[in-house]
Amino acid sequence: MNLVAWMIIGCEIAFWVVIIWGLATRYIFKKQRLSFFILALTPVVDFFLLIVTSVDLYRGAKATYAHSIAAVYIGISIAFGKSMIHWADERFQYYVMKNAEKPRKRYGKEYAKHYFKSWIQHLVAYAIGVTLLAAMMYIVPNGKTSVLQNVVEFWTIIVGIDLLLSLSNFVWPKKEKESGYTR
């Protein structure tokens, strides 16, 4: 594996460590302002990955799938970051602090609306990621960017499929499973 691939793994670990550290600071140590500061460090992780990837390409590295995944990762992290922190916050309060209601599952129209909102976030992630991939294609000399273009094309298909899945939830809403338990 190359440096960028290892950096992606390291940044993903760092992203979740920062979130857990921030939530622990908020709920265990009761330091609200410090917690906010720590959670605000999550974009710094993305920025670091962006710098490492850009420098690697600028120095003449051939674009690889790792470089592409870095752009995808950054786009997803920026678009979904706030909702991922909210998701982790709910679970931290319930599973670790044991002072909140169990995170509820969504069904029907509520699920469809939530999934569609998630698709819009996916579209934002796509726009950010494709912009970064286009910038990488600009930085790297001709002939070394076919991998980046392949990822753009593949991701375009994925976003389209995700839209179809999102819309299908309005036509065939997700229903709550019956427990099978009867009295």
N, C-alpha and C. Protein backbone atom coordinates (compact mmCIF):
# COMPACT_ATOMS: atom_id res chain seq x y z
N MET A 1 0.85 -1.19 0.00
CA MET A 1 0.00 0.00 0.00
C MET A 1 0.88 1.24 0.00
N ASN A 2 0.38 2.27 -0.68
CA ASN A 2 1.16 3.49 -0.74
C ASN A 2 0.82 4.43 0.42
N LEU A 3 1.54 5.53 0.50
CA LEU A 3 1.40 6.49 1.59
C LEU A 3 -0.03 7.02 1.71
N VAL A 4 -0.65 7.34 0.59
CA VAL A 4 -1.99 7.91 0.62
C VAL A 4 -2.99 6.90 1.19
N ALA A 5 -2.86 5.64 0.82
CA ALA A 5 -3.76 4.61 1.35
C ALA A 5 -3.64 4.52 2.87
N TRP A 6 -2.41 4.54 3.37
CA TRP A 6 -2.20 4.52 4.82
C TRP A 6 -2.75 5.78 5.48
N MET A 7 -2.62 6.92 4.79
CA MET A 7 -3.14 8.17 5.33
C MET A 7 -4.67 8.14 5.43
N ILE A 8 -5.33 7.52 4.46
CA ILE A 8 -6.79 7.40 4.51
C ILE A 8 -7.19 6.59 5.74
N ILE A 9 -6.51 5.47 5.95
CA ILE A 9 -6.81 4.64 7.12
C ILE A 9 -6.56 5.42 8.40
N GLY A 10 -5.41 6.10 8.46
CA GLY A 10 -5.07 6.89 9.64
C GLY A 10 -6.07 8.02 9.88
N CYS A 11 -6.51 8.68 8.81
CA CYS A 11 -7.46 9.78 8.96
C CYS A 11 -8.83 9.29 9.40
N GLU A 12 -9.24 8.13 8.91
CA GLU A 12 -10.52 7.57 9.35
C GLU A 12 -10.47 7.24 10.84
N ILE A 13 -9.38 6.64 11.26
CA ILE A 13 -9.20 6.34 12.69
C ILE A 13 -9.17 7.65 13.49
N ALA A 14 -8.42 8.63 13.01
CA ALA A 14 -8.33 9.92 13.69
C ALA A 14 -9.69 10.60 13.77
N PHE A 15 -10.49 10.52 12.70
CA PHE A 15 -11.82 11.12 12.68
C PHE A 15 -12.67 10.59 13.83
N TRP A 16 -12.70 9.26 13.99
CA TRP A 16 -13.53 8.66 15.04
C TRP A 16 -12.92 8.86 16.43
N VAL A 17 -11.61 8.90 16.52
CA VAL A 17 -10.97 9.19 17.82
C VAL A 17 -11.32 10.61 18.26
N VAL A 18 -11.29 11.57 17.34
CA VAL A 18 -11.65 12.95 17.67
C VAL A 18 -13.11 13.02 18.12
N ILE A 19 -13.99 12.31 17.43
CA ILE A 19 -15.41 12.33 17.81
C ILE A 19 -15.60 11.72 19.20
N ILE A 20 -15.02 10.57 19.45
CA ILE A 20 -15.17 9.92 20.76
C ILE A 20 -14.55 10.79 21.86
N TRP A 21 -13.39 11.35 21.58
CA TRP A 21 -12.73 12.24 22.53
C TRP A 21 -13.61 13.46 22.83
N GLY A 22 -14.19 14.04 21.79
CA GLY A 22 -15.07 15.19 21.97
C GLY A 22 -16.32 14.85 22.76
N LEU A 23 -16.93 13.70 22.48
CA LEU A 23 -18.13 13.30 23.21
C LEU A 23 -17.80 12.94 24.66
N ALA A 24 -16.68 12.28 24.87
CA ALA A 24 -16.27 11.96 26.24
C ALA A 24 -16.01 13.25 27.03
N THR A 25 -15.39 14.20 26.38
CA THR A 25 -15.14 15.49 27.04
C THR A 25 -16.46 16.18 27.40
N ARG A 26 -17.44 16.07 26.52
CA ARG A 26 -18.74 16.71 26.76
C ARG A 26 -19.52 16.04 27.87
N TYR A 27 -19.62 14.72 27.81
CA TYR A 27 -20.52 14.02 28.72
C TYR A 27 -19.86 13.48 29.99
N ILE A 28 -18.64 13.03 29.89
CA ILE A 28 -17.98 12.46 31.07
C ILE A 28 -17.31 13.56 31.90
N PHE A 29 -16.59 14.47 31.21
CA PHE A 29 -15.86 15.52 31.92
C PHE A 29 -16.63 16.84 32.02
N LYS A 30 -17.82 16.90 31.38
CA LYS A 30 -18.72 18.06 31.46
C LYS A 30 -18.05 19.37 31.01
N LYS A 31 -17.24 19.28 29.97
CA LYS A 31 -16.55 20.45 29.42
C LYS A 31 -17.15 20.77 28.05
N GLN A 32 -18.23 21.55 28.03
CA GLN A 32 -18.95 21.84 26.80
C GLN A 32 -18.11 22.59 25.77
N ARG A 33 -17.46 23.65 26.19
CA ARG A 33 -16.69 24.47 25.25
C ARG A 33 -15.50 23.70 24.69
N LEU A 34 -14.81 22.97 25.54
CA LEU A 34 -13.68 22.17 25.08
C LEU A 34 -14.16 21.08 24.12
N SER A 35 -15.30 20.49 24.43
CA SER A 35 -15.88 19.47 23.57
C SER A 35 -16.18 20.04 22.18
N PHE A 36 -16.75 21.23 22.14
CA PHE A 36 -17.04 21.87 20.86
C PHE A 36 -15.75 22.08 20.07
N PHE A 37 -14.71 22.54 20.73
CA PHE A 37 -13.42 22.76 20.08
C PHE A 37 -12.86 21.45 19.52
N ILE A 38 -12.93 20.39 20.32
CA ILE A 38 -12.40 19.09 19.87
C ILE A 38 -13.19 18.59 18.67
N LEU A 39 -14.52 18.66 18.74
CA LEU A 39 -15.34 18.20 17.62
C LEU A 39 -15.11 19.05 16.36
N ALA A 40 -14.76 20.30 16.55
CA ALA A 40 -14.46 21.17 15.42
C ALA A 40 -13.14 20.79 14.74
N LEU A 41 -12.37 19.91 15.34
CA LEU A 41 -11.11 19.45 14.73
C LEU A 41 -11.33 18.42 13.62
N THR A 42 -12.54 17.88 13.52
CA THR A 42 -12.77 16.85 12.49
C THR A 42 -12.43 17.34 11.08
N PRO A 43 -12.76 18.58 10.69
CA PRO A 43 -12.36 19.02 9.35
C PRO A 43 -10.85 19.14 9.19
N VAL A 44 -10.12 19.32 10.29
CA VAL A 44 -8.66 19.40 10.22
C VAL A 44 -8.09 18.07 9.72
N VAL A 45 -8.71 16.98 10.14
CA VAL A 45 -8.29 15.65 9.67
C VAL A 45 -8.43 15.58 8.15
N ASP A 46 -9.56 16.06 7.63
CA ASP A 46 -9.79 16.06 6.18
C ASP A 46 -8.79 16.95 5.46
N PHE A 47 -8.55 18.11 6.03
CA PHE A 47 -7.60 19.05 5.43
C PHE A 47 -6.21 18.43 5.34
N PHE A 48 -5.81 17.73 6.40
CA PHE A 48 -4.51 17.07 6.42
C PHE A 48 -4.42 16.04 5.29
N LEU A 49 -5.46 15.23 5.12
CA LEU A 49 -5.48 14.23 4.04
C LEU A 49 -5.41 14.91 2.68
N LEU A 50 -6.12 16.01 2.53
CA LEU A 50 -6.09 16.76 1.27
C LEU A 50 -4.69 17.25 0.95
N ILE A 51 -3.99 17.77 1.95
CA ILE A 51 -2.63 18.26 1.75
C ILE A 51 -1.70 17.12 1.36
N VAL A 52 -1.75 16.01 2.07
CA VAL A 52 -0.87 14.87 1.78
C VAL A 52 -1.13 14.36 0.36
N THR A 53 -2.38 14.22 -0.01
CA THR A 53 -2.72 13.72 -1.34
C THR A 53 -2.25 14.68 -2.42
N SER A 54 -2.50 15.97 -2.22
CA SER A 54 -2.10 16.97 -3.22
C SER A 54 -0.58 17.03 -3.39
N VAL A 55 0.14 17.00 -2.28
CA VAL A 55 1.60 17.04 -2.35
C VAL A 55 2.13 15.80 -3.07
N ASP A 56 1.56 14.64 -2.77
CA ASP A 56 1.99 13.40 -3.41
C ASP A 56 1.81 13.50 -4.93
N LEU A 57 0.67 13.99 -5.37
CA LEU A 57 0.42 14.13 -6.81
C LEU A 57 1.29 15.22 -7.42
N TYR A 58 1.44 16.31 -6.72
CA TYR A 58 2.24 17.41 -7.24
C TYR A 58 3.70 17.00 -7.44
N ARG A 59 4.18 16.12 -6.57
CA ARG A 59 5.57 15.65 -6.68
C ARG A 59 5.76 14.61 -7.78
N GLY A 60 4.70 14.28 -8.50
CA GLY A 60 4.85 13.42 -9.66
C GLY A 60 4.34 12.01 -9.50
N ALA A 61 3.68 11.70 -8.42
CA ALA A 61 3.12 10.35 -8.25
C ALA A 61 2.03 10.11 -9.29
N LYS A 62 1.98 8.89 -9.77
CA LYS A 62 0.90 8.52 -10.68
C LYS A 62 -0.38 8.39 -9.86
N ALA A 63 -1.47 8.96 -10.38
CA ALA A 63 -2.75 8.90 -9.67
C ALA A 63 -3.19 7.44 -9.52
N THR A 64 -3.59 7.09 -8.31
CA THR A 64 -4.03 5.72 -8.02
C THR A 64 -5.44 5.75 -7.44
N TYR A 65 -5.98 4.57 -7.22
CA TYR A 65 -7.30 4.51 -6.58
C TYR A 65 -7.24 5.10 -5.16
N ALA A 66 -6.11 5.01 -4.51
CA ALA A 66 -5.97 5.61 -3.18
C ALA A 66 -6.18 7.13 -3.25
N HIS A 67 -5.61 7.77 -4.27
CA HIS A 67 -5.82 9.21 -4.43
C HIS A 67 -7.30 9.51 -4.66
N SER A 68 -7.94 8.68 -5.46
CA SER A 68 -9.37 8.85 -5.73
C SER A 68 -10.20 8.66 -4.47
N ILE A 69 -9.87 7.63 -3.72
CA ILE A 69 -10.61 7.35 -2.48
C ILE A 69 -10.41 8.49 -1.49
N ALA A 70 -9.24 9.11 -1.50
CA ALA A 70 -9.01 10.26 -0.62
C ALA A 70 -10.00 11.38 -0.94
N ALA A 71 -10.21 11.65 -2.24
CA ALA A 71 -11.16 12.69 -2.63
C ALA A 71 -12.59 12.30 -2.24
N VAL A 72 -12.94 11.04 -2.45
CA VAL A 72 -14.26 10.54 -2.06
C VAL A 72 -14.43 10.66 -0.55
N TYR A 73 -13.42 10.23 0.18
CA TYR A 73 -13.45 10.29 1.65
C TYR A 73 -13.67 11.71 2.14
N ILE A 74 -12.94 12.65 1.57
CA ILE A 74 -13.06 14.04 1.99
C ILE A 74 -14.46 14.58 1.69
N GLY A 75 -14.96 14.28 0.50
CA GLY A 75 -16.32 14.72 0.15
C GLY A 75 -17.36 14.17 1.10
N ILE A 76 -17.27 12.88 1.39
CA ILE A 76 -18.23 12.24 2.30
C ILE A 76 -18.09 12.79 3.71
N SER A 77 -16.87 12.97 4.15
CA SER A 77 -16.62 13.46 5.50
C SER A 77 -17.18 14.87 5.68
N ILE A 78 -17.01 15.72 4.69
CA ILE A 78 -17.53 17.08 4.79
C ILE A 78 -19.06 17.09 4.73
N ALA A 79 -19.63 16.35 3.77
CA ALA A 79 -21.08 16.36 3.60
C ALA A 79 -21.82 15.67 4.74
N PHE A 80 -21.27 14.56 5.23
CA PHE A 80 -21.96 13.78 6.26
C PHE A 80 -21.40 14.01 7.67
N GLY A 81 -20.34 14.82 7.80
CA GLY A 81 -19.67 14.98 9.09
C GLY A 81 -20.59 15.35 10.23
N LYS A 82 -21.42 16.37 10.04
CA LYS A 82 -22.30 16.82 11.11
C LYS A 82 -23.30 15.73 11.49
N SER A 83 -23.87 15.06 10.50
CA SER A 83 -24.85 14.01 10.81
C SER A 83 -24.16 12.79 11.43
N MET A 84 -22.90 12.51 11.07
CA MET A 84 -22.18 11.41 11.70
C MET A 84 -21.91 11.72 13.17
N ILE A 85 -21.57 12.98 13.45
CA ILE A 85 -21.35 13.38 14.84
C ILE A 85 -22.65 13.28 15.62
N HIS A 86 -23.76 13.72 15.02
CA HIS A 86 -25.07 13.61 15.68
C HIS A 86 -25.42 12.15 15.95
N TRP A 87 -25.17 11.28 14.97
CA TRP A 87 -25.43 9.84 15.12
C TRP A 87 -24.60 9.29 16.28
N ALA A 88 -23.32 9.63 16.31
CA ALA A 88 -22.43 9.15 17.38
C ALA A 88 -22.86 9.71 18.73
N ASP A 89 -23.30 10.96 18.75
CA ASP A 89 -23.74 11.61 19.98
C ASP A 89 -24.94 10.88 20.58
N GLU A 90 -25.94 10.57 19.76
CA GLU A 90 -27.11 9.84 20.25
C GLU A 90 -26.71 8.50 20.86
N ARG A 91 -25.86 7.77 20.17
CA ARG A 91 -25.46 6.45 20.65
C ARG A 91 -24.56 6.53 21.88
N PHE A 92 -23.71 7.54 21.93
CA PHE A 92 -22.85 7.72 23.10
C PHE A 92 -23.71 7.97 24.34
N GLN A 93 -24.71 8.84 24.19
CA GLN A 93 -25.59 9.13 25.33
C GLN A 93 -26.36 7.89 25.78
N TYR A 94 -26.80 7.08 24.82
CA TYR A 94 -27.60 5.90 25.18
C TYR A 94 -26.73 4.75 25.68
N TYR A 95 -25.71 4.37 24.93
CA TYR A 95 -24.94 3.17 25.25
C TYR A 95 -23.85 3.39 26.31
N VAL A 96 -23.24 4.58 26.33
CA VAL A 96 -22.15 4.83 27.27
C VAL A 96 -22.67 5.53 28.52
N MET A 97 -23.39 6.64 28.33
CA MET A 97 -23.85 7.42 29.48
C MET A 97 -25.14 6.84 30.09
N LYS A 98 -25.87 6.08 29.31
CA LYS A 98 -27.12 5.45 29.75
C LYS A 98 -28.10 6.47 30.33
N ASN A 99 -28.18 7.64 29.67
CA ASN A 99 -29.09 8.66 30.16
C ASN A 99 -29.98 9.24 29.07
N ALA A 100 -30.18 8.51 28.00
CA ALA A 100 -31.03 8.98 26.92
C ALA A 100 -31.87 7.81 26.41
N GLU A 101 -32.87 8.15 25.62
CA GLU A 101 -33.70 7.10 25.02
C GLU A 101 -32.89 6.37 23.94
N LYS A 102 -33.28 5.13 23.73
CA LYS A 102 -32.63 4.35 22.67
C LYS A 102 -32.93 5.03 21.33
N PRO A 103 -31.90 5.19 20.50
CA PRO A 103 -32.15 5.80 19.18
C PRO A 103 -33.22 5.00 18.44
N ARG A 104 -34.23 5.71 17.98
CA ARG A 104 -35.36 5.02 17.36
C ARG A 104 -35.11 4.79 15.88
N LYS A 105 -35.75 3.77 15.38
CA LYS A 105 -35.67 3.46 13.96
C LYS A 105 -36.82 4.18 13.25
N ARG A 106 -36.56 4.54 12.02
CA ARG A 106 -37.57 5.25 11.23
C ARG A 106 -38.27 4.27 10.29
N TYR A 107 -39.54 4.57 10.04
CA TYR A 107 -40.34 3.76 9.12
C TYR A 107 -41.23 4.67 8.31
N GLY A 108 -41.77 4.13 7.22
CA GLY A 108 -42.75 4.84 6.41
C GLY A 108 -42.20 6.12 5.79
N LYS A 109 -43.06 7.16 5.78
CA LYS A 109 -42.67 8.43 5.17
C LYS A 109 -41.50 9.08 5.89
N GLU A 110 -41.46 8.91 7.21
CA GLU A 110 -40.35 9.48 7.97
C GLU A 110 -39.02 8.90 7.48
N TYR A 111 -38.99 7.58 7.26
CA TYR A 111 -37.78 6.93 6.75
C TYR A 111 -37.46 7.43 5.34
N ALA A 112 -38.49 7.54 4.50
CA ALA A 112 -38.28 7.99 3.12
C ALA A 112 -37.71 9.40 3.09
N LYS A 113 -38.25 10.29 3.91
CA LYS A 113 -37.74 11.67 3.96
C LYS A 113 -36.30 11.71 4.47
N HIS A 114 -36.02 10.90 5.50
CA HIS A 114 -34.66 10.84 6.05
C HIS A 114 -33.68 10.31 5.00
N TYR A 115 -34.06 9.27 4.28
CA TYR A 115 -33.20 8.68 3.25
C TYR A 115 -32.97 9.68 2.12
N PHE A 116 -34.03 10.42 1.76
CA PHE A 116 -33.88 11.41 0.68
C PHE A 116 -32.93 12.53 1.12
N LYS A 117 -33.04 12.95 2.39
CA LYS A 117 -32.11 13.95 2.92
C LYS A 117 -30.68 13.40 2.86
N SER A 118 -30.54 12.13 3.17
CA SER A 118 -29.23 11.48 3.09
C SER A 118 -28.72 11.46 1.64
N TRP A 119 -29.64 11.26 0.69
CA TRP A 119 -29.23 11.28 -0.72
C TRP A 119 -28.73 12.67 -1.10
N ILE A 120 -29.39 13.72 -0.61
CA ILE A 120 -28.94 15.08 -0.90
C ILE A 120 -27.53 15.28 -0.34
N GLN A 121 -27.28 14.75 0.86
CA GLN A 121 -25.92 14.82 1.42
C GLN A 121 -24.95 14.05 0.52
N HIS A 122 -25.39 12.93 -0.01
CA HIS A 122 -24.55 12.14 -0.93
C HIS A 122 -24.24 12.97 -2.17
N LEU A 123 -25.23 13.70 -2.66
CA LEU A 123 -25.03 14.54 -3.83
C LEU A 123 -24.02 15.65 -3.53
N VAL A 124 -24.10 16.24 -2.34
CA VAL A 124 -23.13 17.26 -1.93
C VAL A 124 -21.73 16.64 -1.83
N ALA A 125 -21.65 15.45 -1.23
CA ALA A 125 -20.36 14.74 -1.14
C ALA A 125 -19.80 14.49 -2.53
N TYR A 126 -20.67 14.09 -3.44
CA TYR A 126 -20.28 13.84 -4.84
C TYR A 126 -19.72 15.11 -5.47
N ALA A 127 -20.41 16.23 -5.27
CA ALA A 127 -19.95 17.50 -5.85
C ALA A 127 -18.57 17.89 -5.31
N ILE A 128 -18.40 17.73 -4.01
CA ILE A 128 -17.10 18.05 -3.40
C ILE A 128 -16.03 17.10 -3.91
N GLY A 129 -16.32 15.80 -3.87
CA GLY A 129 -15.35 14.79 -4.31
C GLY A 129 -14.97 14.93 -5.76
N VAL A 130 -15.95 15.16 -6.63
CA VAL A 130 -15.66 15.31 -8.06
C VAL A 130 -14.86 16.58 -8.31
N THR A 131 -15.14 17.63 -7.56
CA THR A 131 -14.35 18.86 -7.69
C THR A 131 -12.89 18.59 -7.31
N LEU A 132 -12.69 17.85 -6.22
CA LEU A 132 -11.32 17.50 -5.82
C LEU A 132 -10.65 16.60 -6.86
N LEU A 133 -11.41 15.64 -7.41
CA LEU A 133 -10.85 14.77 -8.45
C LEU A 133 -10.49 15.57 -9.70
N ALA A 134 -11.33 16.54 -10.06
CA ALA A 134 -11.02 17.39 -11.21
C ALA A 134 -9.76 18.21 -10.95
N ALA A 135 -9.62 18.71 -9.72
CA ALA A 135 -8.41 19.46 -9.37
C ALA A 135 -7.18 18.56 -9.46
N MET A 136 -7.33 17.31 -9.01
CA MET A 136 -6.21 16.36 -9.11
C MET A 136 -5.86 16.10 -10.57
N MET A 137 -6.88 15.96 -11.41
CA MET A 137 -6.62 15.73 -12.84
C MET A 137 -5.89 16.93 -13.45
N TYR A 138 -6.15 18.09 -12.93
CA TYR A 138 -5.47 19.30 -13.41
C TYR A 138 -4.01 19.33 -12.95
N ILE A 139 -3.77 18.88 -11.71
CA ILE A 139 -2.42 18.91 -11.14
C ILE A 139 -1.51 17.87 -11.81
N VAL A 140 -2.08 16.68 -12.07
CA VAL A 140 -1.28 15.57 -12.60
C VAL A 140 -1.14 15.72 -14.11
N PRO A 141 0.07 15.49 -14.63
CA PRO A 141 0.26 15.58 -16.08
C PRO A 141 -0.63 14.58 -16.83
N ASN A 142 -0.92 14.90 -18.09
CA ASN A 142 -1.79 14.06 -18.93
C ASN A 142 -1.31 12.61 -18.97
N GLY A 143 -2.27 11.72 -19.08
CA GLY A 143 -1.95 10.31 -19.20
C GLY A 143 -1.87 9.57 -17.89
N LYS A 144 -1.88 10.27 -16.79
CA LYS A 144 -1.76 9.62 -15.49
C LYS A 144 -3.04 9.73 -14.66
N THR A 145 -4.15 10.12 -15.28
CA THR A 145 -5.36 10.38 -14.51
C THR A 145 -6.54 9.49 -14.88
N SER A 146 -6.34 8.45 -15.64
CA SER A 146 -7.47 7.61 -16.05
C SER A 146 -8.17 6.97 -14.85
N VAL A 147 -7.43 6.66 -13.81
CA VAL A 147 -8.02 6.09 -12.60
C VAL A 147 -8.99 7.09 -11.98
N LEU A 148 -8.60 8.35 -11.94
CA LEU A 148 -9.45 9.38 -11.36
C LEU A 148 -10.75 9.51 -12.16
N GLN A 149 -10.64 9.49 -13.47
CA GLN A 149 -11.82 9.57 -14.33
C GLN A 149 -12.72 8.36 -14.14
N ASN A 150 -12.13 7.18 -13.98
CA ASN A 150 -12.93 5.96 -13.74
C ASN A 150 -13.75 6.09 -12.46
N VAL A 151 -13.15 6.66 -11.43
CA VAL A 151 -13.85 6.83 -10.15
C VAL A 151 -15.00 7.82 -10.31
N VAL A 152 -14.79 8.90 -11.05
CA VAL A 152 -15.87 9.87 -11.29
C VAL A 152 -17.04 9.17 -11.98
N GLU A 153 -16.75 8.39 -13.01
CA GLU A 153 -17.81 7.69 -13.75
C GLU A 153 -18.53 6.67 -12.86
N PHE A 154 -17.78 5.91 -12.09
CA PHE A 154 -18.39 4.91 -11.21
C PHE A 154 -19.24 5.58 -10.13
N TRP A 155 -18.72 6.65 -9.55
CA TRP A 155 -19.45 7.35 -8.49
C TRP A 155 -20.73 7.99 -9.05
N THR A 156 -20.68 8.46 -10.29
CA THR A 156 -21.88 9.02 -10.93
C THR A 156 -22.98 7.95 -11.00
N ILE A 157 -22.61 6.74 -11.36
CA ILE A 157 -23.58 5.64 -11.40
C ILE A 157 -24.12 5.35 -10.00
N ILE A 158 -23.24 5.34 -9.01
CA ILE A 158 -23.65 5.07 -7.62
C ILE A 158 -24.63 6.12 -7.13
N VAL A 159 -24.38 7.39 -7.43
CA VAL A 159 -25.29 8.46 -7.01
C VAL A 159 -26.65 8.28 -7.67
N GLY A 160 -26.65 7.88 -8.93
CA GLY A 160 -27.91 7.62 -9.64
C GLY A 160 -28.68 6.47 -9.02
N ILE A 161 -27.99 5.38 -8.70
CA ILE A 161 -28.63 4.23 -8.06
C ILE A 161 -29.17 4.64 -6.68
N ASP A 162 -28.39 5.42 -5.95
CA ASP A 162 -28.83 5.88 -4.63
C ASP A 162 -30.09 6.74 -4.75
N LEU A 163 -30.18 7.56 -5.80
CA LEU A 163 -31.39 8.36 -6.03
C LEU A 163 -32.59 7.45 -6.27
N LEU A 164 -32.42 6.43 -7.10
CA LEU A 164 -33.52 5.49 -7.37
C LEU A 164 -33.95 4.78 -6.09
N LEU A 165 -33.00 4.36 -5.28
CA LEU A 165 -33.33 3.72 -4.00
C LEU A 165 -34.06 4.70 -3.08
N SER A 166 -33.60 5.94 -3.07
CA SER A 166 -34.24 6.95 -2.24
C SER A 166 -35.68 7.17 -2.66
N LEU A 167 -35.91 7.29 -3.94
CA LEU A 167 -37.27 7.51 -4.44
C LEU A 167 -38.16 6.29 -4.22
N SER A 168 -37.56 5.10 -4.28
CA SER A 168 -38.35 3.88 -4.09
C SER A 168 -38.94 3.81 -2.68
N ASN A 169 -38.29 4.47 -1.72
CA ASN A 169 -38.81 4.48 -0.35
C ASN A 169 -40.12 5.24 -0.23
N PHE A 170 -40.40 6.15 -1.16
CA PHE A 170 -41.68 6.84 -1.16
C PHE A 170 -42.77 5.97 -1.78
N VAL A 171 -42.37 5.12 -2.73
CA VAL A 171 -43.33 4.23 -3.39
C VAL A 171 -43.60 2.99 -2.53
N TRP A 172 -42.54 2.40 -2.03
CA TRP A 172 -42.64 1.21 -1.16
C TRP A 172 -42.00 1.54 0.19
N PRO A 173 -42.74 2.19 1.07
CA PRO A 173 -42.15 2.61 2.35
C PRO A 173 -41.69 1.44 3.21
N LYS A 174 -40.63 1.69 3.95
CA LYS A 174 -40.10 0.68 4.86
C LYS A 174 -41.10 0.50 6.00
N LYS A 175 -41.42 -0.77 6.26
CA LYS A 175 -42.39 -1.08 7.31
C LYS A 175 -41.69 -1.70 8.50
N GLU A 176 -42.27 -1.45 9.66
CA GLU A 176 -41.73 -2.03 10.89
C GLU A 176 -41.95 -3.54 10.85
N LYS A 177 -40.91 -4.28 11.21
CA LYS A 177 -41.01 -5.74 11.22
C LYS A 177 -41.84 -6.19 12.40
N GLU A 178 -42.67 -7.15 12.17
CA GLU A 178 -43.45 -7.70 13.26
C GLU A 178 -42.58 -8.66 14.05
N SER A 179 -42.71 -8.63 15.34
CA SER A 179 -41.81 -9.42 16.21
C SER A 179 -42.10 -10.90 16.17
N GLY A 180 -43.32 -11.29 15.82
CA GLY A 180 -43.66 -12.70 15.81
C GLY A 180 -44.05 -13.20 17.18
N TYR A 181 -43.92 -12.36 18.18
CA TYR A 181 -44.26 -12.72 19.56
C TYR A 181 -45.74 -12.42 19.77
N THR A 182 -46.47 -13.39 20.23
CA THR A 182 -47.89 -13.17 20.54
C THR A 182 -48.15 -13.64 21.95
N ARG A 183 -49.13 -13.05 22.57
CA ARG A 183 -49.49 -13.41 23.94
C ARG A 183 -50.61 -14.38 23.94
